[in-house]
Structures are given as C-alpha cells and as structure tokens.
C-alpha cells in the first residue's frame, strides 16, 4: 500500500460502499488519491477494520462507516 495515498477498504456487497464509490466517481480529484481494496479479495484484512467502508488517510487517520462520508 502506498503511503502517499488514502487507503479505502470496501465491499461490493455493501450498499453504503457502492454509494461511496459513486460519490468518488463525481470527485475525480479525490478519487485519484485513493487506493481502493475490496475486502473480500484481501488476504490479510487490517485488524482495525471492523466495518466497511473504511479508510485510512495518508496521515494515518482511520475512519469507518458514516465518518468516511463526512471525510469525503
């Protein structure tokens, strides 16, 4: 994972994750700074991830659920 980018962990089965992905399509300036990973395809899910969507910002801040939308 690149330390310059924000890291998004999502599930394609989650309606909120899909909503977030759609919002990101409308904000390409932010989308290009995000490295997205589908939780079902990760071999090792970070221990801090308890729900999706989850994001770790490039400053190390960890957000899950509704706070991810506020951050966006």
PDB file of N, CA and C in Angstrom:
ATOM      1  N   UNK A   1       0.840  -1.183   0.000  1.00  0.00           N
ATOM      2  CA  UNK A   1       0.000   0.000   0.000  1.00  0.00           C
ATOM      3  C   UNK A   1       0.885   1.246   0.000  1.00  0.00           C
ATOM      4  N   UNK A   2       0.519   2.190  -0.786  1.00  0.00           N
ATOM      5  CA  UNK A   2       1.286   3.409  -0.967  1.00  0.00           C
ATOM      6  C   UNK A   2       0.993   4.404   0.156  1.00  0.00           C
ATOM      7  N   UNK A   3       2.036   4.896   0.818  1.00  0.00           N
ATOM      8  CA  UNK A   3       1.854   5.837   1.933  1.00  0.00           C
ATOM      9  C   UNK A   3       1.393   7.214   1.474  1.00  0.00           C
ATOM     10  N   UNK A   4       1.491   7.507   0.181  1.00  0.00           N
ATOM     11  CA  UNK A   4       1.065   8.801  -0.329  1.00  0.00           C
ATOM     12  C   UNK A   4      -0.450   8.865  -0.513  1.00  0.00           C
ATOM     13  N   UNK A   5      -1.061   7.732  -0.682  1.00  0.00           N
ATOM     14  CA  UNK A   5      -2.497   7.673  -0.959  1.00  0.00           C
ATOM     15  C   UNK A   5      -3.306   7.339   0.288  1.00  0.00           C
ATOM     16  N   UNK A   6      -4.570   7.674   0.219  1.00  0.00           N
ATOM     17  CA  UNK A   6      -5.532   7.213   1.214  1.00  0.00           C
ATOM     18  C   UNK A   6      -5.877   5.777   0.826  1.00  0.00           C
ATOM     19  N   UNK A   7      -6.157   4.927   1.802  1.00  0.00           N
ATOM     20  CA  UNK A   7      -6.466   3.525   1.524  1.00  0.00           C
ATOM     21  C   UNK A   7      -7.919   3.259   1.906  1.00  0.00           C
ATOM     22  N   UNK A   8      -8.710   2.883   0.920  1.00  0.00           N
ATOM     23  CA  UNK A   8     -10.121   2.578   1.112  1.00  0.00           C
ATOM     24  C   UNK A   8     -10.315   1.072   1.088  1.00  0.00           C
ATOM     25  N   UNK A   9     -11.054   0.563   2.059  1.00  0.00           N
ATOM     26  CA  UNK A   9     -11.431  -0.845   2.078  1.00  0.00           C
ATOM     27  C   UNK A   9     -12.951  -0.881   1.995  1.00  0.00           C
ATOM     28  N   UNK A  10     -13.449  -1.630   1.027  1.00  0.00           N
ATOM     29  CA  UNK A  10     -14.885  -1.647   0.755  1.00  0.00           C
ATOM     30  C   UNK A  10     -15.338  -3.059   0.397  1.00  0.00           C
ATOM     31  N   UNK A  11     -16.653  -3.224   0.338  1.00  0.00           N
ATOM     32  CA  UNK A  11     -17.244  -4.475  -0.139  1.00  0.00           C
ATOM     33  C   UNK A  11     -18.231  -4.139  -1.246  1.00  0.00           C
ATOM     34  N   UNK A  12     -18.165  -4.871  -2.320  1.00  0.00           N
ATOM     35  CA  UNK A  12     -19.125  -4.625  -3.406  1.00  0.00           C
ATOM     36  C   UNK A  12     -20.525  -5.083  -3.018  1.00  0.00           C
ATOM     37  N   UNK A  13     -20.653  -5.795  -1.915  1.00  0.00           N
ATOM     38  CA  UNK A  13     -21.961  -6.259  -1.433  1.00  0.00           C
ATOM     39  C   UNK A  13     -22.609  -5.268  -0.458  1.00  0.00           C
ATOM     40  N   UNK A  14     -21.918  -4.190  -0.157  1.00  0.00           N
ATOM     41  CA  UNK A  14     -22.389  -3.187   0.809  1.00  0.00           C
ATOM     42  C   UNK A  14     -22.982  -1.997   0.058  1.00  0.00           C
ATOM     43  N   UNK A  15     -24.250  -1.684   0.325  1.00  0.00           N
ATOM     44  CA  UNK A  15     -24.886  -0.572  -0.381  1.00  0.00           C
ATOM     45  C   UNK A  15     -24.212   0.755  -0.068  1.00  0.00           C
ATOM     46  N   UNK A  16     -23.717   0.924   1.151  1.00  0.00           N
ATOM     47  CA  UNK A  16     -23.043   2.172   1.516  1.00  0.00           C
ATOM     48  C   UNK A  16     -21.705   2.304   0.793  1.00  0.00           C
ATOM     49  N   UNK A  17     -21.015   1.199   0.649  1.00  0.00           N
ATOM     50  CA  UNK A  17     -19.759   1.209  -0.105  1.00  0.00           C
ATOM     51  C   UNK A  17     -20.018   1.580  -1.557  1.00  0.00           C
ATOM     52  N   UNK A  18     -21.055   1.005  -2.130  1.00  0.00           N
ATOM     53  CA  UNK A  18     -21.395   1.314  -3.518  1.00  0.00           C
ATOM     54  C   UNK A  18     -21.781   2.780  -3.675  1.00  0.00           C
ATOM     55  N   UNK A  19     -22.477   3.313  -2.689  1.00  0.00           N
ATOM     56  CA  UNK A  19     -22.829   4.738  -2.699  1.00  0.00           C
ATOM     57  C   UNK A  19     -21.563   5.594  -2.638  1.00  0.00           C
ATOM     58  N   UNK A  20     -20.625   5.190  -1.802  1.00  0.00           N
ATOM     59  CA  UNK A  20     -19.362   5.923  -1.681  1.00  0.00           C
ATOM     60  C   UNK A  20     -18.585   5.884  -2.998  1.00  0.00           C
ATOM     61  N   UNK A  21     -18.539   4.732  -3.629  1.00  0.00           N
ATOM     62  CA  UNK A  21     -17.844   4.601  -4.917  1.00  0.00           C
ATOM     63  C   UNK A  21     -18.468   5.536  -5.951  1.00  0.00           C
ATOM     64  N   UNK A  22     -19.788   5.632  -5.961  1.00  0.00           N
ATOM     65  CA  UNK A  22     -20.470   6.548  -6.891  1.00  0.00           C
ATOM     66  C   UNK A  22     -20.096   7.999  -6.594  1.00  0.00           C
ATOM     67  N   UNK A  23     -20.025   8.359  -5.313  1.00  0.00           N
ATOM     68  CA  UNK A  23     -19.634   9.728  -4.943  1.00  0.00           C
ATOM     69  C   UNK A  23     -18.206  10.014  -5.388  1.00  0.00           C
ATOM     70  N   UNK A  24     -17.347   9.011  -5.275  1.00  0.00           N
ATOM     71  CA  UNK A  24     -15.960   9.190  -5.702  1.00  0.00           C
ATOM     72  C   UNK A  24     -15.862   9.412  -7.206  1.00  0.00           C
ATOM     73  N   UNK A  25     -16.745   8.790  -7.964  1.00  0.00           N
ATOM     74  CA  UNK A  25     -16.760   8.998  -9.413  1.00  0.00           C
ATOM     75  C   UNK A  25     -17.069  10.452  -9.744  1.00  0.00           C
ATOM     76  N   UNK A  26     -17.826  11.119  -8.861  1.00  0.00           N
ATOM     77  CA  UNK A  26     -18.175  12.526  -9.064  1.00  0.00           C
ATOM     78  C   UNK A  26     -17.090  13.477  -8.576  1.00  0.00           C
ATOM     79  N   UNK A  27     -16.091  12.949  -7.881  1.00  0.00           N
ATOM     80  CA  UNK A  27     -14.997  13.778  -7.366  1.00  0.00           C
ATOM     81  C   UNK A  27     -13.653  13.151  -7.750  1.00  0.00           C
ATOM     82  N   UNK A  28     -13.318  13.212  -9.039  1.00  0.00           N
ATOM     83  CA  UNK A  28     -12.096  12.557  -9.508  1.00  0.00           C
ATOM     84  C   UNK A  28     -10.821  13.095  -8.859  1.00  0.00           C
ATOM     85  N   UNK A  29     -10.833  14.351  -8.421  1.00  0.00           N
ATOM     86  CA  UNK A  29      -9.635  14.895  -7.774  1.00  0.00           C
ATOM     87  C   UNK A  29      -9.316  14.156  -6.479  1.00  0.00           C
ATOM     88  N   UNK A  30     -10.343  13.698  -5.777  1.00  0.00           N
ATOM     89  CA  UNK A  30     -10.136  12.904  -4.560  1.00  0.00           C
ATOM     90  C   UNK A  30      -9.931  11.441  -4.921  1.00  0.00           C
ATOM     91  N   UNK A  31     -10.708  10.960  -5.868  1.00  0.00           N
ATOM     92  CA  UNK A  31     -10.643   9.546  -6.252  1.00  0.00           C
ATOM     93  C   UNK A  31      -9.237   9.137  -6.672  1.00  0.00           C
ATOM     94  N   UNK A  32      -8.519  10.030  -7.346  1.00  0.00           N
ATOM     95  CA  UNK A  32      -7.181   9.650  -7.813  1.00  0.00           C
ATOM     96  C   UNK A  32      -6.165   9.552  -6.671  1.00  0.00           C
ATOM     97  N   UNK A  33      -6.543  10.010  -5.483  1.00  0.00           N
ATOM     98  CA  UNK A  33      -5.639   9.910  -4.326  1.00  0.00           C
ATOM     99  C   UNK A  33      -5.973   8.709  -3.446  1.00  0.00           C
ATOM    100  N   UNK A  34      -6.922   7.885  -3.892  1.00  0.00           N
ATOM    101  CA  UNK A  34      -7.391   6.756  -3.082  1.00  0.00           C
ATOM    102  C   UNK A  34      -6.996   5.432  -3.726  1.00  0.00           C
ATOM    103  N   UNK A  35      -6.404   4.588  -2.917  1.00  0.00           N
ATOM    104  CA  UNK A  35      -6.062   3.225  -3.318  1.00  0.00           C
ATOM    105  C   UNK A  35      -7.151   2.329  -2.731  1.00  0.00           C
ATOM    106  N   UNK A  36      -8.005   1.770  -3.582  1.00  0.00           N
ATOM    107  CA  UNK A  36      -9.166   1.000  -3.121  1.00  0.00           C
ATOM    108  C   UNK A  36      -8.875  -0.496  -3.124  1.00  0.00           C
ATOM    109  N   UNK A  37      -9.338  -1.168  -2.067  1.00  0.00           N
ATOM    110  CA  UNK A  37      -9.159  -2.614  -1.927  1.00  0.00           C
ATOM    111  C   UNK A  37     -10.487  -3.238  -1.529  1.00  0.00           C
ATOM    112  N   UNK A  38     -10.900  -4.246  -2.277  1.00  0.00           N
ATOM    113  CA  UNK A  38     -12.126  -4.970  -1.943  1.00  0.00           C
ATOM    114  C   UNK A  38     -11.822  -5.946  -0.809  1.00  0.00           C
ATOM    115  N   UNK A  39     -12.563  -5.835   0.284  1.00  0.00           N
ATOM    116  CA  UNK A  39     -12.285  -6.616   1.487  1.00  0.00           C
ATOM    117  C   UNK A  39     -12.313  -8.122   1.221  1.00  0.00           C
ATOM    118  N   UNK A  40     -13.183  -8.565   0.323  1.00  0.00           N
ATOM    119  CA  UNK A  40     -13.301  -9.993   0.034  1.00  0.00           C
ATOM    120  C   UNK A  40     -12.097 -10.549  -0.721  1.00  0.00           C
ATOM    121  N   UNK A  41     -11.282  -9.668  -1.274  1.00  0.00           N
ATOM    122  CA  UNK A  41     -10.106 -10.108  -2.032  1.00  0.00           C
ATOM    123  C   UNK A  41      -8.800  -9.920  -1.263  1.00  0.00           C
ATOM    124  N   UNK A  42      -8.880  -9.317  -0.086  1.00  0.00           N
ATOM    125  CA  UNK A  42      -7.673  -9.124   0.722  1.00  0.00           C
ATOM    126  C   UNK A  42      -7.297 -10.415   1.428  1.00  0.00           C
ATOM    127  N   UNK A  43      -6.030 -10.752   1.386  1.00  0.00           N
ATOM    128  CA  UNK A  43      -5.560 -11.938   2.108  1.00  0.00           C
ATOM    129  C   UNK A  43      -5.488 -11.656   3.602  1.00  0.00           C
ATOM    130  N   UNK A  44      -5.080 -10.443   3.949  1.00  0.00           N
ATOM    131  CA  UNK A  44      -4.965 -10.041   5.353  1.00  0.00           C
ATOM    132  C   UNK A  44      -5.702  -8.726   5.554  1.00  0.00           C
ATOM    133  N   UNK A  45      -6.849  -8.793   6.184  1.00  0.00           N
ATOM    134  CA  UNK A  45      -7.622  -7.586   6.476  1.00  0.00           C
ATOM    135  C   UNK A  45      -6.977  -6.906   7.680  1.00  0.00           C
ATOM    136  N   UNK A  46      -6.704  -5.597   7.582  1.00  0.00           N
ATOM    137  CA  UNK A  46      -6.121  -4.900   8.729  1.00  0.00           C
ATOM    138  C   UNK A  46      -6.984  -5.079   9.981  1.00  0.00           C
ATOM    139  N   UNK A  47      -6.336  -5.266  11.126  1.00  0.00           N
ATOM    140  CA  UNK A  47      -7.066  -5.557  12.366  1.00  0.00           C
ATOM    141  C   UNK A  47      -7.989  -4.419  12.788  1.00  0.00           C
ATOM    142  N   UNK A  48      -7.703  -3.205  12.380  1.00  0.00           N
ATOM    143  CA  UNK A  48      -8.532  -2.069  12.788  1.00  0.00           C
ATOM    144  C   UNK A  48      -9.852  -2.007  12.017  1.00  0.00           C
ATOM    145  N   UNK A  49      -9.974  -2.742  10.922  1.00  0.00           N
ATOM    146  CA  UNK A  49     -11.195  -2.706  10.110  1.00  0.00           C
ATOM    147  C   UNK A  49     -12.249  -3.604  10.743  1.00  0.00           C
ATOM    148  N   UNK A  50     -13.306  -2.979  11.236  1.00  0.00           N
ATOM    149  CA  UNK A  50     -14.426  -3.706  11.845  1.00  0.00           C
ATOM    150  C   UNK A  50     -15.683  -3.631  10.990  1.00  0.00           C
ATOM    151  N   UNK A  51     -15.745  -2.616  10.097  1.00  0.00           N
ATOM    152  CA  UNK A  51     -16.877  -2.472   9.181  1.00  0.00           C
ATOM    153  C   UNK A  51     -16.417  -1.676   7.971  1.00  0.00           C
ATOM    154  N   UNK A  52     -17.201  -1.770   6.921  1.00  0.00           N
ATOM    155  CA  UNK A  52     -16.895  -1.045   5.695  1.00  0.00           C
ATOM    156  C   UNK A  52     -18.032  -0.080   5.372  1.00  0.00           C
ATOM    157  N   UNK A  53     -17.753   0.988   4.666  1.00  0.00           N
ATOM    158  CA  UNK A  53     -16.450   1.352   4.145  1.00  0.00           C
ATOM    159  C   UNK A  53     -15.510   1.798   5.260  1.00  0.00           C
ATOM    160  N   UNK A  54     -14.230   1.580   5.018  1.00  0.00           N
ATOM    161  CA  UNK A  54     -13.199   2.012   5.961  1.00  0.00           C
ATOM    162  C   UNK A  54     -12.108   2.701   5.158  1.00  0.00           C
ATOM    163  N   UNK A  55     -11.536   3.737   5.742  1.00  0.00           N
ATOM    164  CA  UNK A  55     -10.454   4.438   5.056  1.00  0.00           C
ATOM    165  C   UNK A  55      -9.363   4.789   6.054  1.00  0.00           C
ATOM    166  N   UNK A  56      -8.139   4.635   5.606  1.00  0.00           N
ATOM    167  CA  UNK A  56      -7.008   5.154   6.363  1.00  0.00           C
ATOM    168  C   UNK A  56      -6.431   6.274   5.507  1.00  0.00           C
ATOM    169  N   UNK A  57      -6.454   7.477   6.052  1.00  0.00           N
ATOM    170  CA  UNK A  57      -5.968   8.626   5.298  1.00  0.00           C
ATOM    171  C   UNK A  57      -4.450   8.568   5.207  1.00  0.00           C
ATOM    172  N   UNK A  58      -3.905   9.405   4.336  1.00  0.00           N
ATOM    173  CA  UNK A  58      -2.453   9.415   4.182  1.00  0.00           C
ATOM    174  C   UNK A  58      -1.743   9.990   5.406  1.00  0.00           C
ATOM    175  N   UNK A  59      -2.505  10.494   6.368  1.00  0.00           N
ATOM    176  CA  UNK A  59      -1.917  10.951   7.635  1.00  0.00           C
ATOM    177  C   UNK A  59      -2.057   9.899   8.731  1.00  0.00           C
ATOM    178  N   UNK A  60      -2.680   8.756   8.395  1.00  0.00           N
ATOM    179  CA  UNK A  60      -2.822   7.665   9.353  1.00  0.00           C
ATOM    180  C   UNK A  60      -4.139   7.632  10.099  1.00  0.00           C
ATOM    181  N   UNK A  61      -5.014   8.602   9.845  1.00  0.00           N
ATOM    182  CA  UNK A  61      -6.326   8.611  10.500  1.00  0.00           C
ATOM    183  C   UNK A  61      -7.167   7.462   9.950  1.00  0.00           C
ATOM    184  N   UNK A  62      -7.853   6.748  10.839  1.00  0.00           N
ATOM    185  CA  UNK A  62      -8.661   5.590  10.445  1.00  0.00           C
ATOM    186  C   UNK A  62     -10.132   5.879  10.701  1.00  0.00           C
ATOM    187  N   UNK A  63     -10.939   5.763   9.648  1.00  0.00           N
ATOM    188  CA  UNK A  63     -12.371   6.041   9.731  1.00  0.00           C
ATOM    189  C   UNK A  63     -13.145   4.856   9.186  1.00  0.00           C
ATOM    190  N   UNK A  64     -14.332   4.618   9.773  1.00  0.00           N
ATOM    191  CA  UNK A  64     -15.187   3.522   9.329  1.00  0.00           C
ATOM    192  C   UNK A  64     -16.641   3.967   9.332  1.00  0.00           C
ATOM    193  N   UNK A  65     -17.402   3.469   8.359  1.00  0.00           N
ATOM    194  CA  UNK A  65     -18.829   3.772   8.315  1.00  0.00           C
ATOM    195  C   UNK A  65     -19.110   5.216   7.946  1.00  0.00           C
ATOM    196  N   UNK A  66     -20.078   5.828   8.622  1.00  0.00           N
ATOM    197  CA  UNK A  66     -20.534   7.192   8.330  1.00  0.00           C
ATOM    198  C   UNK A  66     -19.415   8.230   8.328  1.00  0.00           C
ATOM    199  N   UNK A  67     -18.446   8.177   9.240  1.00  0.00           N
ATOM    200  CA  UNK A  67     -17.369   9.169   9.203  1.00  0.00           C
ATOM    201  C   UNK A  67     -16.599   9.215   7.879  1.00  0.00           C
ATOM    202  N   UNK A  68     -16.587   8.124   7.141  1.00  0.00           N
ATOM    203  CA  UNK A  68     -15.922   8.123   5.834  1.00  0.00           C
ATOM    204  C   UNK A  68     -16.638   9.092   4.895  1.00  0.00           C
ATOM    205  N   UNK A  69     -17.964   9.108   4.934  1.00  0.00           N
ATOM    206  CA  UNK A  69     -18.735  10.021   4.086  1.00  0.00           C
ATOM    207  C   UNK A  69     -18.484  11.469   4.496  1.00  0.00           C
ATOM    208  N   UNK A  70     -18.396  11.726   5.795  1.00  0.00           N
ATOM    209  CA  UNK A  70     -18.119  13.092   6.259  1.00  0.00           C
ATOM    210  C   UNK A  70     -16.726  13.532   5.825  1.00  0.00           C
ATOM    211  N   UNK A  71     -15.772  12.625   5.861  1.00  0.00           N
ATOM    212  CA  UNK A  71     -14.408  12.937   5.438  1.00  0.00           C
ATOM    213  C   UNK A  71     -14.379  13.314   3.962  1.00  0.00           C
ATOM    214  N   UNK A  72     -15.165  12.588   3.166  1.00  0.00           N
ATOM    215  CA  UNK A  72     -15.195  12.823   1.724  1.00  0.00           C
ATOM    216  C   UNK A  72     -15.767  14.197   1.430  1.00  0.00           C
TER     217      UNK A  72
END
